Protein backbone atom coordinates (compact mmCIF):
# COMPACT_ATOMS: atom_id res chain seq x y z
CA MET A 1 0.00 0.00 0.00
CA ILE A 2 1.33 3.46 -0.90
CA TYR A 3 0.14 6.61 0.89
CA ARG A 4 1.15 10.12 1.98
CA ASN A 5 2.46 10.44 5.54
CA SER A 6 2.41 13.93 7.12
CA GLY A 7 4.56 15.18 9.96
CA VAL A 8 5.97 18.40 11.34
CA GLY A 9 6.60 20.73 8.42
CA ARG A 10 6.50 18.15 5.64
CA SER A 11 4.77 15.21 4.05
CA GLU A 12 6.19 12.27 2.13
CA ILE A 13 5.07 9.25 0.15
CA VAL A 14 5.66 5.93 1.94
CA TYR A 15 5.14 2.29 1.09
CA SER A 16 3.56 0.12 3.81
CA LYS A 17 4.53 -3.55 4.07
CA THR A 18 4.01 -6.22 6.70
CA VAL A 19 7.20 -8.21 7.25
CA ASP A 20 7.65 -11.61 8.89
CA TYR A 21 9.62 -10.16 11.79
CA VAL A 22 11.66 -7.19 13.05
CA LYS A 23 14.66 -7.75 15.29
CA VAL A 24 16.35 -5.01 17.34
CA GLY A 25 19.30 -6.35 19.33
CA GLY A 26 17.94 -9.44 21.10
CA MET A 27 14.29 -8.27 20.88
CA GLU A 28 12.00 -9.54 18.13
CA THR A 29 8.39 -9.13 17.05
CA LYS A 30 6.56 -11.02 14.32
CA ASP A 31 4.22 -9.83 11.53
CA PHE A 32 5.05 -6.13 11.89
CA THR A 33 4.01 -3.39 9.45
CA LEU A 34 6.80 -1.07 8.30
CA GLU A 35 6.63 2.20 6.39
CA ILE A 36 9.39 2.55 3.82
CA GLY A 37 10.21 5.80 2.05
CA ALA A 38 12.95 8.22 1.03
CA MET A 39 14.45 9.97 4.03
CA ASN A 40 16.02 13.16 2.73
CA TYR A 41 16.35 15.17 5.94
CA GLY A 42 19.69 16.84 5.16
CA PHE A 43 21.76 14.46 7.32
CA ALA A 44 22.70 10.78 7.27
CA ILE A 45 20.06 8.45 8.73
CA ASP A 46 19.41 4.73 8.22
CA GLY A 47 15.93 4.60 9.70
CA ILE A 48 13.54 5.71 12.42
CA ILE A 49 12.32 3.37 15.15
CA GLY A 50 8.73 4.37 15.89
CA LEU A 51 6.80 4.25 19.13
CA ASP A 52 4.58 1.48 17.71
CA LEU A 53 7.59 -0.86 17.43
CA LEU A 54 9.00 0.14 20.83
CA GLN A 55 5.63 -0.56 22.46
CA GLN A 56 5.23 -3.92 20.73
CA LEU A 57 8.72 -4.94 21.89
CA LYS A 58 7.88 -3.69 25.43
CA THR A 59 11.08 -1.67 25.33
CA ILE A 60 12.70 0.21 28.20
CA ILE A 61 14.73 3.20 27.00
CA ASN A 62 17.72 4.30 29.09
CA ILE A 63 18.43 7.86 27.95
CA GLU A 64 21.55 8.29 30.07
CA GLU A 65 23.21 5.17 28.60
CA LEU A 66 21.47 5.44 25.19
CA THR A 67 20.37 1.79 25.37
CA LEU A 68 17.22 -0.24 24.76
CA LYS A 69 16.21 -3.40 26.60
CA SER A 70 13.13 -5.59 26.76
CA ASN A 71 10.71 -5.30 29.67
CA SER A 72 9.56 -8.92 29.21
């Protein structure tokens, strides 16, 4: 599915696809929907981890250490 995604100050076209799984470190979730699009923000970036994925993984974010770990 292709659609327009709007955010602060801009909108972009993204492609939505459900993948078999997403793995971040040792955490994994199955059948997750990703949005894939061009990310031309003026600086190098590989991707954005959204709140929907962090919630599904039950992630704890340690800002001081800049780490993620599972709450389960």
